[in-house]
Amino acid sequence: MSWDHNLVIMQEIRQSNDAKQETKISVDYKATNKNYETDWIPYPFKQGENIVTVLKQLVPILKSNADTMLPIVELNQGKSSGQLCSCYVLDDGTEVKQYLPMVRTITDYKNTRLRHEDVILSTGERVLYVKPHKIVAILNK
């Protein structure tokens, strides 16, 4: 779901005949009741691509309203709600794991965004000071 709750995103993943995975992404834009959908595309995504880069190509409004619509937040019913690892995806494709439950990561991001501060992240090797608008997704990992 988009940060402003206007985009509902569904990702379907399947195994193709030649043992490769493919994904299909569909988006419902609540404000206009428009639906967008990709064809089946290779998954995992190519180097430097993530779900947000694919969505920006699929849904033009996402490019112009990125400051209010991003980050995309994964709300996955299939995974355990007690899962202890979440992940920030930065606009350059970097994934930074947070060894925190998803709810805590979302709450921390929301509070930092409201204070107009940088999000402080650690990769284990480096400490990153990231502007909230540079975070394009918050995912379960």
C-alpha atoms as a PDB file:
ATOM      1  CA  MET A   1       0.000   0.000   0.000  1.00  0.00           C
ATOM      2  CA  SER A   2       1.220   3.516  -0.664  1.00  0.00           C
ATOM      3  CA  TRP A   3       2.029   5.776   2.275  1.00  0.00           C
ATOM      4  CA  ASP A   4      -1.054   7.930   1.594  1.00  0.00           C
ATOM      5  CA  HIS A   5      -3.277   4.802   1.242  1.00  0.00           C
ATOM      6  CA  ASN A   6      -4.348   5.746  -2.309  1.00  0.00           C
ATOM      7  CA  LEU A   7      -2.564   2.883  -4.074  1.00  0.00           C
ATOM      8  CA  VAL A   8      -3.330  -0.738  -3.277  1.00  0.00           C
ATOM      9  CA  ILE A   9      -0.700  -2.984  -4.824  1.00  0.00           C
ATOM     10  CA  MET A  10      -0.978  -6.733  -5.339  1.00  0.00           C
ATOM     11  CA  GLN A  11       1.968  -8.826  -6.415  1.00  0.00           C
ATOM     12  CA  GLU A  12       1.441 -12.344  -7.671  1.00  0.00           C
ATOM     13  CA  ILE A  13       4.448 -14.660  -8.084  1.00  0.00           C
ATOM     14  CA  ARG A  14       4.437 -17.918 -10.013  1.00  0.00           C
ATOM     15  CA  GLN A  15       6.857 -20.558 -11.231  1.00  0.00           C
ATOM     16  CA  SER A  16       7.035 -20.562 -15.031  1.00  0.00           C
ATOM     17  CA  ASN A  17       7.435 -23.676 -17.176  1.00  0.00           C
ATOM     18  CA  ASP A  18      11.221 -23.357 -17.384  1.00  0.00           C
ATOM     19  CA  ALA A  19      11.589 -23.271 -13.558  1.00  0.00           C
ATOM     20  CA  LYS A  20      12.028 -19.495 -13.414  1.00  0.00           C
ATOM     21  CA  GLN A  21       9.879 -17.227 -11.330  1.00  0.00           C
ATOM     22  CA  GLU A  22       7.663 -14.531 -12.793  1.00  0.00           C
ATOM     23  CA  THR A  23       5.593 -11.818 -11.174  1.00  0.00           C
ATOM     24  CA  LYS A  24       2.523  -9.836 -12.117  1.00  0.00           C
ATOM     25  CA  ILE A  25       1.754  -6.550 -10.370  1.00  0.00           C
ATOM     26  CA  SER A  26      -1.655  -4.924 -10.260  1.00  0.00           C
ATOM     27  CA  VAL A  27      -2.434  -1.525  -8.782  1.00  0.00           C
ATOM     28  CA  ASP A  28      -5.760   0.000  -7.803  1.00  0.00           C
ATOM     29  CA  TYR A  29      -5.645   3.798  -7.578  1.00  0.00           C
ATOM     30  CA  LYS A  30      -8.486   4.696  -5.211  1.00  0.00           C
ATOM     31  CA  ALA A  31      -8.628   8.413  -6.058  1.00  0.00           C
ATOM     32  CA  THR A  32      -9.632   7.757  -9.683  1.00  0.00           C
ATOM     33  CA  ASN A  33     -10.746   4.101  -9.493  1.00  0.00           C
ATOM     34  CA  LYS A  34      -8.194   3.270 -12.194  1.00  0.00           C
ATOM     35  CA  ASN A  35      -6.576  -0.144 -12.360  1.00  0.00           C
ATOM     36  CA  TYR A  36      -3.100  -0.814 -13.727  1.00  0.00           C
ATOM     37  CA  GLU A  37      -1.532  -4.211 -14.394  1.00  0.00           C
ATOM     38  CA  THR A  38       1.742  -5.564 -15.723  1.00  0.00           C
ATOM     39  CA  ASP A  39       2.183  -8.648 -17.847  1.00  0.00           C
ATOM     40  CA  TRP A  40       4.154 -11.499 -16.330  1.00  0.00           C
ATOM     41  CA  ILE A  41       7.726 -10.257 -15.908  1.00  0.00           C
ATOM     42  CA  PRO A  42      10.903 -11.999 -14.673  1.00  0.00           C
ATOM     43  CA  TYR A  43      11.298 -12.171 -10.896  1.00  0.00           C
ATOM     44  CA  PRO A  44      13.405 -11.448  -8.909  1.00  0.00           C
ATOM     45  CA  PHE A  45      13.832  -8.093 -10.597  1.00  0.00           C
ATOM     46  CA  LYS A  46      16.962  -7.172 -12.564  1.00  0.00           C
ATOM     47  CA  GLN A  47      19.939  -5.603 -10.822  1.00  0.00           C
ATOM     48  CA  GLY A  48      19.053  -2.040  -9.816  1.00  0.00           C
ATOM     49  CA  GLU A  49      15.308  -2.667 -10.140  1.00  0.00           C
ATOM     50  CA  ASN A  50      12.793  -3.090  -7.355  1.00  0.00           C
ATOM     51  CA  ILE A  51       9.037  -3.035  -7.040  1.00  0.00           C
ATOM     52  CA  VAL A  52       9.005   0.771  -6.892  1.00  0.00           C
ATOM     53  CA  THR A  53      10.926   1.224 -10.164  1.00  0.00           C
ATOM     54  CA  VAL A  54       8.445  -1.116 -11.847  1.00  0.00           C
ATOM     55  CA  LEU A  55       5.506   0.754 -10.268  1.00  0.00           C
ATOM     56  CA  LYS A  56       6.815   4.139 -11.433  1.00  0.00           C
ATOM     57  CA  GLN A  57       6.733   2.838 -15.020  1.00  0.00           C
ATOM     58  CA  LEU A  58       3.272   1.332 -14.540  1.00  0.00           C
ATOM     59  CA  VAL A  59       1.548   4.168 -12.640  1.00  0.00           C
ATOM     60  CA  PRO A  60       2.533   7.621 -13.961  1.00  0.00           C
ATOM     61  CA  ILE A  61       0.950   9.466 -11.002  1.00  0.00           C
ATOM     62  CA  LEU A  62       3.500   7.814  -8.696  1.00  0.00           C
ATOM     63  CA  LYS A  63       6.354   9.813 -10.257  1.00  0.00           C
ATOM     64  CA  SER A  64       4.701  13.178  -9.763  1.00  0.00           C
ATOM     65  CA  ASN A  65       3.338  12.410  -6.278  1.00  0.00           C
ATOM     66  CA  ALA A  66       6.246  10.420  -4.881  1.00  0.00           C
ATOM     67  CA  ASP A  67       6.602  12.736  -1.878  1.00  0.00           C
ATOM     68  CA  THR A  68       3.142  11.780  -0.564  1.00  0.00           C
ATOM     69  CA  MET A  69       2.751   8.255  -1.984  1.00  0.00           C
ATOM     70  CA  LEU A  70       6.125   6.799  -1.084  1.00  0.00           C
ATOM     71  CA  PRO A  71       7.268   4.693   0.620  1.00  0.00           C
ATOM     72  CA  ILE A  72       5.294   1.646  -0.419  1.00  0.00           C
ATOM     73  CA  VAL A  73       4.547  -0.414   2.689  1.00  0.00           C
ATOM     74  CA  GLU A  74       4.197  -4.186   2.453  1.00  0.00           C
ATOM     75  CA  LEU A  75       1.137  -5.520   4.228  1.00  0.00           C
ATOM     76  CA  ASN A  76       1.439  -9.241   3.648  1.00  0.00           C
ATOM     77  CA  GLN A  77      -1.123 -11.536   5.215  1.00  0.00           C
ATOM     78  CA  GLY A  78       0.824 -14.643   4.256  1.00  0.00           C
ATOM     79  CA  LYS A  79       3.819 -13.927   6.455  1.00  0.00           C
ATOM     80  CA  SER A  80       3.894 -14.182  10.212  1.00  0.00           C
ATOM     81  CA  SER A  81       2.935 -10.929  11.902  1.00  0.00           C
ATOM     82  CA  GLY A  82       5.623 -11.621  14.483  1.00  0.00           C
ATOM     83  CA  GLN A  83       8.382 -11.687  11.896  1.00  0.00           C
ATOM     84  CA  LEU A  84      11.415  -9.957  13.317  1.00  0.00           C
ATOM     85  CA  CYS A  85      12.997  -8.549  10.210  1.00  0.00           C
ATOM     86  CA  SER A  86      11.835  -5.651   8.094  1.00  0.00           C
ATOM     87  CA  CYS A  87      13.705  -3.743   5.428  1.00  0.00           C
ATOM     88  CA  TYR A  88      13.985  -0.219   4.066  1.00  0.00           C
ATOM     89  CA  VAL A  89      14.503   0.048   0.301  1.00  0.00           C
ATOM     90  CA  LEU A  90      16.299   3.239  -0.718  1.00  0.00           C
ATOM     91  CA  ASP A  91      15.783   5.038  -4.036  1.00  0.00           C
ATOM     92  CA  ASP A  92      19.111   3.686  -5.326  1.00  0.00           C
ATOM     93  CA  GLY A  93      17.939   0.097  -4.728  1.00  0.00           C
ATOM     94  CA  THR A  94      19.920  -0.433  -1.512  1.00  0.00           C
ATOM     95  CA  GLU A  95      18.136  -2.626   1.014  1.00  0.00           C
ATOM     96  CA  VAL A  96      18.839  -1.988   4.689  1.00  0.00           C
ATOM     97  CA  LYS A  97      17.504  -4.642   7.052  1.00  0.00           C
ATOM     98  CA  GLN A  98      16.019  -3.684  10.370  1.00  0.00           C
ATOM     99  CA  TYR A  99      15.943  -6.426  12.955  1.00  0.00           C
ATOM    100  CA  LEU A 100      12.635  -5.118  14.223  1.00  0.00           C
ATOM    101  CA  PRO A 101       9.030  -6.143  13.630  1.00  0.00           C
ATOM    102  CA  MET A 102       7.343  -4.410  10.699  1.00  0.00           C
ATOM    103  CA  VAL A 103       5.021  -2.407  12.969  1.00  0.00           C
ATOM    104  CA  ARG A 104       7.986  -0.939  14.847  1.00  0.00           C
ATOM    105  CA  THR A 105       9.814  -0.026  11.634  1.00  0.00           C
ATOM    106  CA  ILE A 106       6.726   1.736  10.244  1.00  0.00           C
ATOM    107  CA  THR A 107       6.184   3.603  13.517  1.00  0.00           C
ATOM    108  CA  ASP A 108       9.832   4.698  13.665  1.00  0.00           C
ATOM    109  CA  TYR A 109       9.694   5.898  10.043  1.00  0.00           C
ATOM    110  CA  LYS A 110       6.420   7.771  10.603  1.00  0.00           C
ATOM    111  CA  ASN A 111       7.736   9.566  13.700  1.00  0.00           C
ATOM    112  CA  THR A 112      11.009  10.511  12.003  1.00  0.00           C
ATOM    113  CA  ARG A 113       9.134  11.802   8.944  1.00  0.00           C
ATOM    114  CA  LEU A 114       6.843  13.926  11.116  1.00  0.00           C
ATOM    115  CA  ARG A 115       9.877  15.482  12.831  1.00  0.00           C
ATOM    116  CA  HIS A 116      11.491  16.215   9.408  1.00  0.00           C
ATOM    117  CA  GLU A 117      14.665  14.420  10.492  1.00  0.00           C
ATOM    118  CA  ASP A 118      16.959  11.965   8.740  1.00  0.00           C
ATOM    119  CA  VAL A 119      16.355   8.256   9.273  1.00  0.00           C
ATOM    120  CA  ILE A 120      19.493   6.761  10.818  1.00  0.00           C
ATOM    121  CA  LEU A 121      20.216   3.304   9.390  1.00  0.00           C
ATOM    122  CA  SER A 122      23.059   0.860   9.854  1.00  0.00           C
ATOM    123  CA  THR A 123      24.206  -1.700   7.309  1.00  0.00           C
ATOM    124  CA  GLY A 124      26.549  -3.296   9.833  1.00  0.00           C
ATOM    125  CA  GLU A 125      29.476  -1.683   8.045  1.00  0.00           C
ATOM    126  CA  ARG A 126      28.236   1.878   7.613  1.00  0.00           C
ATOM    127  CA  VAL A 127      25.845   4.253   9.289  1.00  0.00           C
ATOM    128  CA  LEU A 128      23.558   6.027   6.825  1.00  0.00           C
ATOM    129  CA  TYR A 129      21.678   9.272   7.387  1.00  0.00           C
ATOM    130  CA  VAL A 130      18.810   9.041   4.919  1.00  0.00           C
ATOM    131  CA  LYS A 131      16.216  11.698   4.101  1.00  0.00           C
ATOM    132  CA  PRO A 132      12.717  10.174   4.481  1.00  0.00           C
ATOM    133  CA  HIS A 133      11.895  10.879   0.799  1.00  0.00           C
ATOM    134  CA  LYS A 134      14.842   8.652  -0.233  1.00  0.00           C
ATOM    135  CA  ILE A 135      13.080   5.613   1.266  1.00  0.00           C
ATOM    136  CA  VAL A 136      10.850   4.118  -1.437  1.00  0.00           C
ATOM    137  CA  ALA A 137       9.596   0.978   0.323  1.00  0.00           C
ATOM    138  CA  ILE A 138       9.303  -0.728   3.686  1.00  0.00           C
ATOM    139  CA  LEU A 139       9.144  -4.503   3.274  1.00  0.00           C
ATOM    140  CA  ASN A 140       9.034  -7.730   5.299  1.00  0.00           C
ATOM    141  CA  LYS A 141      12.213  -9.752   4.923  1.00  0.00           C
END
